[in-house]
Amino acid sequence: MGYKRKTWSEKFSTSSAPKIEVTDKAFADVPAGARMLIATPAIFDSYIKQIPKGKSVELSSIRKDLAAEYHADYTCPITSGIFLRIVAEKAWEEYQKGKPLNDISPFWRAIDLNSPTAKKLSFGMDFILEQRNREGIESHLPKTRMSKPSKG
């Protein structure tokens, strides 16, 4: 019997509890010796659901807010991107199965179209752009989507 890939909902549900680790060396924007939160997809989901309609929050702000809430110095930049993607992909799965737009996590309020997370989404960026436009949230289109000059 072959390996069955987990759904995004399963990935969302199987994560462990949040923890705080002290970094032994610097990486990304986290210095050595910092108290770093390793959150969970559920923590990101809860945060995103509190972002008001028509507003957006950058991942760096989410990371700062969660670090403060959990009494850490930083939130892990690597797992933050992963967990944000899990929230988005899970919400997309739910939407594709018929769950109303108002009942899924509004991940489009937290994903910058130029971010690495946006580029990895299985369903592309058009849905995010459509939802941001519907809510009046300014979007900066990815540089790769801009038309390229034709070769003469």
C-alpha atoms as a PDB file:
ATOM      1  CA  MET A   1       0.000   0.000   0.000  1.00  0.00           C
ATOM      2  CA  GLY A   2       1.407   3.370  -1.037  1.00  0.00           C
ATOM      3  CA  TYR A   3       1.875   6.501   0.990  1.00  0.00           C
ATOM      4  CA  LYS A   4      -1.258   8.633   1.256  1.00  0.00           C
ATOM      5  CA  ARG A   5      -0.504  12.337   1.359  1.00  0.00           C
ATOM      6  CA  LYS A   6      -2.136  14.162   4.268  1.00  0.00           C
ATOM      7  CA  THR A   7      -4.771  16.755   3.497  1.00  0.00           C
ATOM      8  CA  TRP A   8      -4.151  20.301   4.678  1.00  0.00           C
ATOM      9  CA  SER A   9      -6.884  19.813   7.271  1.00  0.00           C
ATOM     10  CA  GLU A  10      -4.992  16.798   8.613  1.00  0.00           C
ATOM     11  CA  LYS A  11      -1.742  18.785   8.702  1.00  0.00           C
ATOM     12  CA  PHE A  12      -3.590  21.542  10.571  1.00  0.00           C
ATOM     13  CA  SER A  13      -4.937  19.081  13.157  1.00  0.00           C
ATOM     14  CA  THR A  14      -1.777  17.079  13.794  1.00  0.00           C
ATOM     15  CA  SER A  15       0.449  19.874  15.033  1.00  0.00           C
ATOM     16  CA  SER A  16       1.799  19.887  18.561  1.00  0.00           C
ATOM     17  CA  ALA A  17       1.413  22.504  21.272  1.00  0.00           C
ATOM     18  CA  PRO A  18       3.239  25.815  20.970  1.00  0.00           C
ATOM     19  CA  LYS A  19       6.653  26.000  22.587  1.00  0.00           C
ATOM     20  CA  ILE A  20       9.336  28.531  23.305  1.00  0.00           C
ATOM     21  CA  GLU A  21      12.934  27.666  22.522  1.00  0.00           C
ATOM     22  CA  VAL A  22      16.076  29.641  23.223  1.00  0.00           C
ATOM     23  CA  THR A  23      18.063  29.936  20.017  1.00  0.00           C
ATOM     24  CA  ASP A  24      21.636  28.725  20.204  1.00  0.00           C
ATOM     25  CA  LYS A  25      22.704  30.597  17.065  1.00  0.00           C
ATOM     26  CA  ALA A  26      21.414  33.492  15.022  1.00  0.00           C
ATOM     27  CA  PHE A  27      19.297  32.853  11.931  1.00  0.00           C
ATOM     28  CA  ALA A  28      17.048  35.037   9.803  1.00  0.00           C
ATOM     29  CA  ASP A  29      16.057  37.988  12.026  1.00  0.00           C
ATOM     30  CA  VAL A  30      16.444  36.022  15.286  1.00  0.00           C
ATOM     31  CA  PRO A  31      19.653  36.581  17.266  1.00  0.00           C
ATOM     32  CA  ALA A  32      21.400  33.898  19.296  1.00  0.00           C
ATOM     33  CA  GLY A  33      20.024  33.547  22.826  1.00  0.00           C
ATOM     34  CA  ALA A  34      16.539  34.851  21.926  1.00  0.00           C
ATOM     35  CA  ARG A  35      13.352  33.287  23.259  1.00  0.00           C
ATOM     36  CA  MET A  36      11.601  32.149  20.090  1.00  0.00           C
ATOM     37  CA  LEU A  37       7.991  31.012  19.835  1.00  0.00           C
ATOM     38  CA  ILE A  38       7.239  27.967  17.714  1.00  0.00           C
ATOM     39  CA  ALA A  39       3.511  28.550  17.244  1.00  0.00           C
ATOM     40  CA  THR A  40       0.944  26.223  15.651  1.00  0.00           C
ATOM     41  CA  PRO A  41      -1.352  26.480  12.641  1.00  0.00           C
ATOM     42  CA  ALA A  42      -4.289  26.859  15.054  1.00  0.00           C
ATOM     43  CA  ILE A  43      -2.642  29.909  16.660  1.00  0.00           C
ATOM     44  CA  PHE A  44      -2.175  31.492  13.216  1.00  0.00           C
ATOM     45  CA  ASP A  45      -5.744  30.610  12.257  1.00  0.00           C
ATOM     46  CA  SER A  46      -7.110  32.226  15.402  1.00  0.00           C
ATOM     47  CA  TYR A  47      -5.058  35.382  14.792  1.00  0.00           C
ATOM     48  CA  ILE A  48      -6.128  35.635  11.139  1.00  0.00           C
ATOM     49  CA  LYS A  49      -9.794  35.240  12.015  1.00  0.00           C
ATOM     50  CA  GLN A  50      -9.484  38.370  14.178  1.00  0.00           C
ATOM     51  CA  ILE A  51      -8.186  40.587  11.356  1.00  0.00           C
ATOM     52  CA  PRO A  52     -11.078  42.933  10.472  1.00  0.00           C
ATOM     53  CA  LYS A  53     -12.618  42.788   7.018  1.00  0.00           C
ATOM     54  CA  GLY A  54     -10.925  45.282   4.706  1.00  0.00           C
ATOM     55  CA  LYS A  55      -7.646  45.210   6.640  1.00  0.00           C
ATOM     56  CA  SER A  56      -4.443  43.304   6.058  1.00  0.00           C
ATOM     57  CA  VAL A  57      -1.596  42.434   8.390  1.00  0.00           C
ATOM     58  CA  GLU A  58       1.928  41.602   7.289  1.00  0.00           C
ATOM     59  CA  LEU A  59       3.476  38.363   8.472  1.00  0.00           C
ATOM     60  CA  SER A  60       6.193  40.332  10.305  1.00  0.00           C
ATOM     61  CA  SER A  61       3.481  42.044  12.391  1.00  0.00           C
ATOM     62  CA  ILE A  62       1.756  38.753  13.112  1.00  0.00           C
ATOM     63  CA  ARG A  63       5.083  37.333  14.282  1.00  0.00           C
ATOM     64  CA  LYS A  64       5.693  40.319  16.594  1.00  0.00           C
ATOM     65  CA  ASP A  65       2.165  40.165  18.023  1.00  0.00           C
ATOM     66  CA  LEU A  66       2.334  36.424  18.683  1.00  0.00           C
ATOM     67  CA  ALA A  67       5.782  36.689  20.280  1.00  0.00           C
ATOM     68  CA  ALA A  68       4.454  39.336  22.663  1.00  0.00           C
ATOM     69  CA  GLU A  69       1.319  37.307  23.429  1.00  0.00           C
ATOM     70  CA  TYR A  70       3.376  34.216  24.282  1.00  0.00           C
ATOM     71  CA  HIS A  71       6.106  36.107  26.187  1.00  0.00           C
ATOM     72  CA  ALA A  72       8.823  35.405  23.628  1.00  0.00           C
ATOM     73  CA  ASP A  73      11.276  37.717  21.883  1.00  0.00           C
ATOM     74  CA  TYR A  74      10.487  36.452  18.372  1.00  0.00           C
ATOM     75  CA  THR A  75       8.252  34.034  16.516  1.00  0.00           C
ATOM     76  CA  CYS A  76      10.042  31.539  14.295  1.00  0.00           C
ATOM     77  CA  PRO A  77      10.163  32.929  10.751  1.00  0.00           C
ATOM     78  CA  ILE A  78      10.359  29.506   9.102  1.00  0.00           C
ATOM     79  CA  THR A  79       7.446  27.813  10.839  1.00  0.00           C
ATOM     80  CA  SER A  80       5.413  31.035  10.555  1.00  0.00           C
ATOM     81  CA  GLY A  81       5.445  30.779   6.760  1.00  0.00           C
ATOM     82  CA  ILE A  82       4.643  27.076   6.923  1.00  0.00           C
ATOM     83  CA  PHE A  83       1.756  27.557   9.344  1.00  0.00           C
ATOM     84  CA  LEU A  84       0.336  30.464   7.341  1.00  0.00           C
ATOM     85  CA  ARG A  85       0.343  28.221   4.272  1.00  0.00           C
ATOM     86  CA  ILE A  86      -1.367  25.393   6.177  1.00  0.00           C
ATOM     87  CA  VAL A  87      -4.116  27.810   7.286  1.00  0.00           C
ATOM     88  CA  ALA A  88      -4.586  29.067   3.720  1.00  0.00           C
ATOM     89  CA  GLU A  89      -4.578  25.627   2.105  1.00  0.00           C
ATOM     90  CA  LYS A  90      -6.992  24.251   4.737  1.00  0.00           C
ATOM     91  CA  ALA A  91      -9.360  27.171   4.170  1.00  0.00           C
ATOM     92  CA  TRP A  92      -9.149  26.647   0.408  1.00  0.00           C
ATOM     93  CA  GLU A  93      -9.966  22.936   0.841  1.00  0.00           C
ATOM     94  CA  GLU A  94     -12.993  23.883   2.939  1.00  0.00           C
ATOM     95  CA  TYR A  95     -14.103  26.470   0.377  1.00  0.00           C
ATOM     96  CA  GLN A  96     -13.757  23.943  -2.451  1.00  0.00           C
ATOM     97  CA  LYS A  97     -15.965  21.542  -0.480  1.00  0.00           C
ATOM     98  CA  GLY A  98     -18.725  24.173  -0.317  1.00  0.00           C
ATOM     99  CA  LYS A  99     -18.041  25.973   2.962  1.00  0.00           C
ATOM    100  CA  PRO A 100     -19.209  29.609   2.620  1.00  0.00           C
ATOM    101  CA  LEU A 101     -16.526  32.244   2.143  1.00  0.00           C
ATOM    102  CA  ASN A 102     -17.540  33.964   5.400  1.00  0.00           C
ATOM    103  CA  ASP A 103     -16.943  30.705   7.310  1.00  0.00           C
ATOM    104  CA  ILE A 104     -13.360  30.051   6.215  1.00  0.00           C
ATOM    105  CA  SER A 105     -10.264  31.705   7.635  1.00  0.00           C
ATOM    106  CA  PRO A 106      -9.687  34.977   5.695  1.00  0.00           C
ATOM    107  CA  PHE A 107      -6.052  34.150   4.900  1.00  0.00           C
ATOM    108  CA  TRP A 108      -5.993  36.707   2.066  1.00  0.00           C
ATOM    109  CA  ARG A 109      -5.745  39.369   4.778  1.00  0.00           C
ATOM    110  CA  ALA A 110      -2.388  37.941   5.888  1.00  0.00           C
ATOM    111  CA  ILE A 111      -0.666  36.816   2.683  1.00  0.00           C
ATOM    112  CA  ASP A 112       1.344  39.328   0.697  1.00  0.00           C
ATOM    113  CA  LEU A 113       1.182  38.460  -3.002  1.00  0.00           C
ATOM    114  CA  ASN A 114       4.962  38.933  -3.234  1.00  0.00           C
ATOM    115  CA  SER A 115       5.729  36.573  -0.343  1.00  0.00           C
ATOM    116  CA  PRO A 116       7.301  33.135  -0.669  1.00  0.00           C
ATOM    117  CA  THR A 117       4.125  31.690   0.898  1.00  0.00           C
ATOM    118  CA  ALA A 118       1.914  33.135  -1.850  1.00  0.00           C
ATOM    119  CA  LYS A 119       4.125  31.631  -4.540  1.00  0.00           C
ATOM    120  CA  LYS A 120       3.795  28.135  -3.016  1.00  0.00           C
ATOM    121  CA  LEU A 121       0.006  28.006  -2.721  1.00  0.00           C
ATOM    122  CA  SER A 122      -1.520  25.096  -4.619  1.00  0.00           C
ATOM    123  CA  PHE A 123      -4.379  27.250  -5.928  1.00  0.00           C
ATOM    124  CA  GLY A 124      -2.392  30.247  -7.122  1.00  0.00           C
ATOM    125  CA  MET A 125      -2.764  33.906  -6.236  1.00  0.00           C
ATOM    126  CA  ASP A 126      -5.843  34.943  -8.214  1.00  0.00           C
ATOM    127  CA  PHE A 127      -8.228  33.988  -5.396  1.00  0.00           C
ATOM    128  CA  ILE A 128      -6.236  36.089  -2.912  1.00  0.00           C
ATOM    129  CA  LEU A 129      -6.219  39.045  -5.293  1.00  0.00           C
ATOM    130  CA  GLU A 130      -9.963  38.669  -5.901  1.00  0.00           C
ATOM    131  CA  GLN A 131     -10.762  38.610  -2.163  1.00  0.00           C
ATOM    132  CA  ARG A 132      -8.445  41.519  -1.383  1.00  0.00           C
ATOM    133  CA  ASN A 133     -10.064  43.563  -4.167  1.00  0.00           C
ATOM    134  CA  ARG A 134     -13.548  42.625  -2.899  1.00  0.00           C
ATOM    135  CA  GLU A 135     -12.614  43.936   0.571  1.00  0.00           C
ATOM    136  CA  GLY A 136     -10.818  47.025  -0.724  1.00  0.00           C
ATOM    137  CA  ILE A 137      -7.388  45.850   0.448  1.00  0.00           C
ATOM    138  CA  GLU A 138      -4.537  47.281  -1.590  1.00  0.00           C
ATOM    139  CA  SER A 139      -2.520  44.614  -3.376  1.00  0.00           C
ATOM    140  CA  HIS A 140       0.893  44.890  -4.905  1.00  0.00           C
ATOM    141  CA  LEU A 141       1.035  42.392  -7.726  1.00  0.00           C
ATOM    142  CA  PRO A 142       4.032  40.096  -7.832  1.00  0.00           C
ATOM    143  CA  LYS A 143       6.768  41.240 -10.122  1.00  0.00           C
ATOM    144  CA  THR A 144       6.532  37.945 -12.030  1.00  0.00           C
ATOM    145  CA  ARG A 145       2.927  38.733 -13.022  1.00  0.00           C
ATOM    146  CA  MET A 146       3.810  42.032 -14.640  1.00  0.00           C
ATOM    147  CA  SER A 147       4.051  41.918 -18.389  1.00  0.00           C
ATOM    148  CA  LYS A 148       7.516  41.513 -19.789  1.00  0.00           C
ATOM    149  CA  PRO A 149       8.724  43.623 -22.668  1.00  0.00           C
ATOM    150  CA  SER A 150       8.444  41.763 -25.941  1.00  0.00           C
ATOM    151  CA  LYS A 151      11.634  40.782 -27.695  1.00  0.00           C
ATOM    152  CA  GLY A 152      12.150  42.987 -30.700  1.00  0.00           C
END
